[in-house]
PDB file of N, CA and C in Angstrom:
ATOM      1  N   MET A   1       0.828  -1.186   0.000  1.00  0.00           N
ATOM      2  CA  MET A   1       0.000   0.000   0.000  1.00  0.00           C
ATOM      3  C   MET A   1       0.871   1.247   0.000  1.00  0.00           C
ATOM      4  N   ILE A   2       1.962   1.180   0.711  1.00  0.00           N
ATOM      5  CA  ILE A   2       2.872   2.330   0.754  1.00  0.00           C
ATOM      6  C   ILE A   2       3.513   2.540  -0.609  1.00  0.00           C
ATOM      7  N   VAL A   3       3.915   1.459  -1.251  1.00  0.00           N
ATOM      8  CA  VAL A   3       4.556   1.562  -2.569  1.00  0.00           C
ATOM      9  C   VAL A   3       3.568   2.105  -3.595  1.00  0.00           C
ATOM     10  N   LEU A   4       2.335   1.616  -3.567  1.00  0.00           N
ATOM     11  CA  LEU A   4       1.313   2.123  -4.483  1.00  0.00           C
ATOM     12  C   LEU A   4       1.070   3.608  -4.253  1.00  0.00           C
ATOM     13  N   GLY A   5       1.046   4.026  -2.995  1.00  0.00           N
ATOM     14  CA  GLY A   5       0.867   5.441  -2.689  1.00  0.00           C
ATOM     15  C   GLY A   5       2.001   6.294  -3.215  1.00  0.00           C
ATOM     16  N   VAL A   6       3.232   5.816  -3.077  1.00  0.00           N
ATOM     17  CA  VAL A   6       4.386   6.565  -3.579  1.00  0.00           C
ATOM     18  C   VAL A   6       4.348   6.648  -5.099  1.00  0.00           C
ATOM     19  N   VAL A   7       3.967   5.555  -5.757  1.00  0.00           N
ATOM     20  CA  VAL A   7       3.862   5.562  -7.222  1.00  0.00           C
ATOM     21  C   VAL A   7       2.817   6.590  -7.665  1.00  0.00           C
ATOM     22  N   LEU A   8       1.670   6.603  -7.002  1.00  0.00           N
ATOM     23  CA  LEU A   8       0.635   7.585  -7.352  1.00  0.00           C
ATOM     24  C   LEU A   8       1.087   9.011  -7.061  1.00  0.00           C
ATOM     25  N   LEU A   9       1.851   9.198  -5.994  1.00  0.00           N
ATOM     26  CA  LEU A   9       2.399  10.531  -5.715  1.00  0.00           C
ATOM     27  C   LEU A   9       3.307  11.005  -6.846  1.00  0.00           C
ATOM     28  N   VAL A  10       4.171  10.128  -7.312  1.00  0.00           N
ATOM     29  CA  VAL A  10       5.102  10.493  -8.393  1.00  0.00           C
ATOM     30  C   VAL A  10       4.341  10.765  -9.681  1.00  0.00           C
ATOM     31  N   ILE A  11       3.386   9.902 -10.013  1.00  0.00           N
ATOM     32  CA  ILE A  11       2.607  10.105 -11.248  1.00  0.00           C
ATOM     33  C   ILE A  11       1.819  11.410 -11.158  1.00  0.00           C
ATOM     34  N   GLY A  12       1.213  11.673  -9.995  1.00  0.00           N
ATOM     35  CA  GLY A  12       0.461  12.915  -9.823  1.00  0.00           C
ATOM     36  C   GLY A  12       1.347  14.141  -9.908  1.00  0.00           C
ATOM     37  N   LEU A  13       2.572  14.035  -9.395  1.00  0.00           N
ATOM     38  CA  LEU A  13       3.503  15.152  -9.456  1.00  0.00           C
ATOM     39  C   LEU A  13       3.962  15.415 -10.887  1.00  0.00           C
ATOM     40  N   VAL A  14       4.256  14.348 -11.627  1.00  0.00           N
ATOM     41  CA  VAL A  14       4.758  14.491 -12.996  1.00  0.00           C
ATOM     42  C   VAL A  14       3.668  14.995 -13.936  1.00  0.00           C
ATOM     43  N   THR A  15       2.458  14.440 -13.816  1.00  0.00           N
ATOM     44  CA  THR A  15       1.383  14.805 -14.740  1.00  0.00           C
ATOM     45  C   THR A  15       0.597  16.033 -14.294  1.00  0.00           C
ATOM     46  N   GLY A  16       0.725  16.406 -13.038  1.00  0.00           N
ATOM     47  CA  GLY A  16      -0.006  17.568 -12.545  1.00  0.00           C
ATOM     48  C   GLY A  16      -1.449  17.272 -12.185  1.00  0.00           C
ATOM     49  N   LEU A  17      -1.798  15.981 -12.043  1.00  0.00           N
ATOM     50  CA  LEU A  17      -3.163  15.609 -11.679  1.00  0.00           C
ATOM     51  C   LEU A  17      -3.271  15.576 -10.156  1.00  0.00           C
ATOM     52  N   SER A  18      -4.042  16.508  -9.623  1.00  0.00           N
ATOM     53  CA  SER A  18      -4.095  16.668  -8.170  1.00  0.00           C
ATOM     54  C   SER A  18      -4.811  15.517  -7.478  1.00  0.00           C
ATOM     55  N   PHE A  19      -5.773  14.863  -8.153  1.00  0.00           N
ATOM     56  CA  PHE A  19      -6.485  13.776  -7.491  1.00  0.00           C
ATOM     57  C   PHE A  19      -5.582  12.567  -7.294  1.00  0.00           C
ATOM     58  N   LEU A  20      -4.621  12.336  -8.196  1.00  0.00           N
ATOM     59  CA  LEU A  20      -3.666  11.248  -7.986  1.00  0.00           C
ATOM     60  C   LEU A  20      -2.752  11.563  -6.812  1.00  0.00           C
ATOM     61  N   TRP A  21      -2.369  12.811  -6.675  1.00  0.00           N
ATOM     62  CA  TRP A  21      -1.535  13.243  -5.552  1.00  0.00           C
ATOM     63  C   TRP A  21      -2.281  13.000  -4.232  1.00  0.00           C
ATOM     64  N   THR A  22      -3.566  13.362  -4.197  1.00  0.00           N
ATOM     65  CA  THR A  22      -4.366  13.201  -2.988  1.00  0.00           C
ATOM     66  C   THR A  22      -4.537  11.732  -2.631  1.00  0.00           C
ATOM     67  N   ILE A  23      -4.860  10.901  -3.604  1.00  0.00           N
ATOM     68  CA  ILE A  23      -5.022   9.467  -3.361  1.00  0.00           C
ATOM     69  C   ILE A  23      -3.695   8.866  -2.889  1.00  0.00           C
ATOM     70  N   GLY A  24      -2.594   9.300  -3.468  1.00  0.00           N
ATOM     71  CA  GLY A  24      -1.281   8.810  -3.069  1.00  0.00           C
ATOM     72  C   GLY A  24      -0.953   9.154  -1.631  1.00  0.00           C
ATOM     73  N   VAL A  25      -1.256  10.376  -1.220  1.00  0.00           N
ATOM     74  CA  VAL A  25      -1.001  10.789   0.167  1.00  0.00           C
ATOM     75  C   VAL A  25      -1.845   9.955   1.132  1.00  0.00           C
ATOM     76  N   VAL A  26      -3.108   9.750   0.794  1.00  0.00           N
ATOM     77  CA  VAL A  26      -3.997   8.972   1.656  1.00  0.00           C
ATOM     78  C   VAL A  26      -3.484   7.537   1.791  1.00  0.00           C
ATOM     79  N   LEU A  27      -3.073   6.911   0.686  1.00  0.00           N
ATOM     80  CA  LEU A  27      -2.579   5.538   0.735  1.00  0.00           C
ATOM     81  C   LEU A  27      -1.288   5.428   1.534  1.00  0.00           C
ATOM     82  N   VAL A  28      -0.405   6.394   1.389  1.00  0.00           N
ATOM     83  CA  VAL A  28       0.849   6.361   2.150  1.00  0.00           C
ATOM     84  C   VAL A  28       0.556   6.491   3.644  1.00  0.00           C
ATOM     85  N   VAL A  29      -0.324   7.391   4.018  1.00  0.00           N
ATOM     86  CA  VAL A  29      -0.642   7.585   5.438  1.00  0.00           C
ATOM     87  C   VAL A  29      -1.302   6.337   6.023  1.00  0.00           C
ATOM     88  N   ILE A  30      -2.266   5.767   5.320  1.00  0.00           N
ATOM     89  CA  ILE A  30      -2.931   4.554   5.806  1.00  0.00           C
ATOM     90  C   ILE A  30      -1.934   3.408   5.903  1.00  0.00           C
ATOM     91  N   GLY A  31      -1.077   3.260   4.909  1.00  0.00           N
ATOM     92  CA  GLY A  31      -0.063   2.208   4.938  1.00  0.00           C
ATOM     93  C   GLY A  31       0.886   2.361   6.105  1.00  0.00           C
ATOM     94  N   LEU A  32       1.309   3.583   6.389  1.00  0.00           N
ATOM     95  CA  LEU A  32       2.211   3.814   7.523  1.00  0.00           C
ATOM     96  C   LEU A  32       1.533   3.524   8.859  1.00  0.00           C
ATOM     97  N   VAL A  33       0.273   3.921   8.988  1.00  0.00           N
ATOM     98  CA  VAL A  33      -0.456   3.657  10.229  1.00  0.00           C
ATOM     99  C   VAL A  33      -0.602   2.157  10.452  1.00  0.00           C
ATOM    100  N   LEU A  34      -0.962   1.416   9.408  1.00  0.00           N
ATOM    101  CA  LEU A  34      -1.101  -0.033   9.537  1.00  0.00           C
ATOM    102  C   LEU A  34       0.237  -0.697   9.824  1.00  0.00           C
ATOM    103  N   TRP A  35       1.288  -0.200   9.206  1.00  0.00           N
ATOM    104  CA  TRP A  35       2.617  -0.760   9.416  1.00  0.00           C
ATOM    105  C   TRP A  35       3.070  -0.549  10.868  1.00  0.00           C
ATOM    106  N   ILE A  36       2.857   0.663  11.377  1.00  0.00           N
ATOM    107  CA  ILE A  36       3.244   0.962  12.755  1.00  0.00           C
ATOM    108  C   ILE A  36       2.409   0.135  13.739  1.00  0.00           C
ATOM    109  N   ALA A  37       1.107   0.019  13.480  1.00  0.00           N
ATOM    110  CA  ALA A  37       0.254  -0.773  14.370  1.00  0.00           C
ATOM    111  C   ALA A  37       0.695  -2.235  14.371  1.00  0.00           C
ATOM    112  N   GLY A  38       1.026  -2.772  13.220  1.00  0.00           N
ATOM    113  CA  GLY A  38       1.499  -4.153  13.150  1.00  0.00           C
ATOM    114  C   GLY A  38       2.848  -4.331  13.811  1.00  0.00           C
ATOM    115  N   ALA A  39       3.725  -3.345  13.685  1.00  0.00           N
ATOM    116  CA  ALA A  39       5.053  -3.429  14.287  1.00  0.00           C
ATOM    117  C   ALA A  39       4.983  -3.370  15.810  1.00  0.00           C
ATOM    118  N   LEU A  40       3.976  -2.690  16.325  1.00  0.00           N
ATOM    119  CA  LEU A  40       3.811  -2.606  17.773  1.00  0.00           C
ATOM    120  C   LEU A  40       3.120  -3.831  18.351  1.00  0.00           C
ATOM    121  N   GLY A  41       2.699  -4.744  17.497  1.00  0.00           N
ATOM    122  CA  GLY A  41       2.087  -5.976  17.962  1.00  0.00           C
ATOM    123  C   GLY A  41       0.580  -5.932  18.081  1.00  0.00           C
ATOM    124  N   HIS A  42      -0.041  -4.856  17.622  1.00  0.00           N
ATOM    125  CA  HIS A  42      -1.498  -4.757  17.685  1.00  0.00           C
ATOM    126  C   HIS A  42      -2.103  -5.514  16.511  1.00  0.00           C
ATOM    127  N   ALA A  43      -3.174  -6.229  16.765  1.00  0.00           N
ATOM    128  CA  ALA A  43      -3.879  -6.918  15.688  1.00  0.00           C
ATOM    129  C   ALA A  43      -4.665  -5.887  14.881  1.00  0.00           C
ATOM    130  N   VAL A  44      -4.518  -5.928  13.570  1.00  0.00           N
ATOM    131  CA  VAL A  44      -5.212  -5.000  12.681  1.00  0.00           C
ATOM    132  C   VAL A  44      -6.263  -5.789  11.916  1.00  0.00           C
ATOM    133  N   GLY A  45      -7.539  -5.486  12.147  1.00  0.00           N
ATOM    134  CA  GLY A  45      -8.603  -6.205  11.467  1.00  0.00           C
ATOM    135  C   GLY A  45      -8.661  -7.672  11.866  1.00  0.00           C
ATOM    136  N   GLY A  46      -8.294  -7.973  13.107  1.00  0.00           N
ATOM    137  CA  GLY A  46      -8.329  -9.349  13.568  1.00  0.00           C
ATOM    138  C   GLY A  46      -7.123 -10.173  13.166  1.00  0.00           C
ATOM    139  N   ARG A  47      -6.157  -9.543  12.515  1.00  0.00           N
ATOM    140  CA  ARG A  47      -4.947 -10.253  12.082  1.00  0.00           C
ATOM    141  C   ARG A  47      -3.725  -9.590  12.679  1.00  0.00           C
ATOM    142  N   ARG A  48      -2.706 -10.385  12.895  1.00  0.00           N
ATOM    143  CA  ARG A  48      -1.459  -9.853  13.459  1.00  0.00           C
ATOM    144  C   ARG A  48      -0.759  -8.948  12.440  1.00  0.00           C
ATOM    145  N   HIS A  49      -0.830  -9.296  11.150  1.00  0.00           N
ATOM    146  CA  HIS A  49      -0.252  -8.488  10.077  1.00  0.00           C
ATOM    147  C   HIS A  49      -1.354  -8.196   9.071  1.00  0.00           C
ATOM    148  N   TYR A  50      -1.350  -6.995   8.515  1.00  0.00           N
ATOM    149  CA  TYR A  50      -2.428  -6.629   7.594  1.00  0.00           C
ATOM    150  C   TYR A  50      -2.194  -7.135   6.189  1.00  0.00           C
ATOM    151  N   TYR A  51      -0.987  -7.592   5.853  1.00  0.00           N
ATOM    152  CA  TYR A  51      -0.748  -8.114   4.515  1.00  0.00           C
ATOM    153  C   TYR A  51      -1.048  -9.551   4.551  1.00  0.00           C
TER     154      TYR A  51
END
């Protein structure tokens, strides 16, 4: 999810499409939150790891 967000950020930056930039930021933030929650040992969605 983080990689997809970064790819969308780059595409949005290069093409100037603001909605891709916004979607990319949202995906990166959600991916980081899930990654941190999993690293701290919290179950995310009933699973130990979200992937």
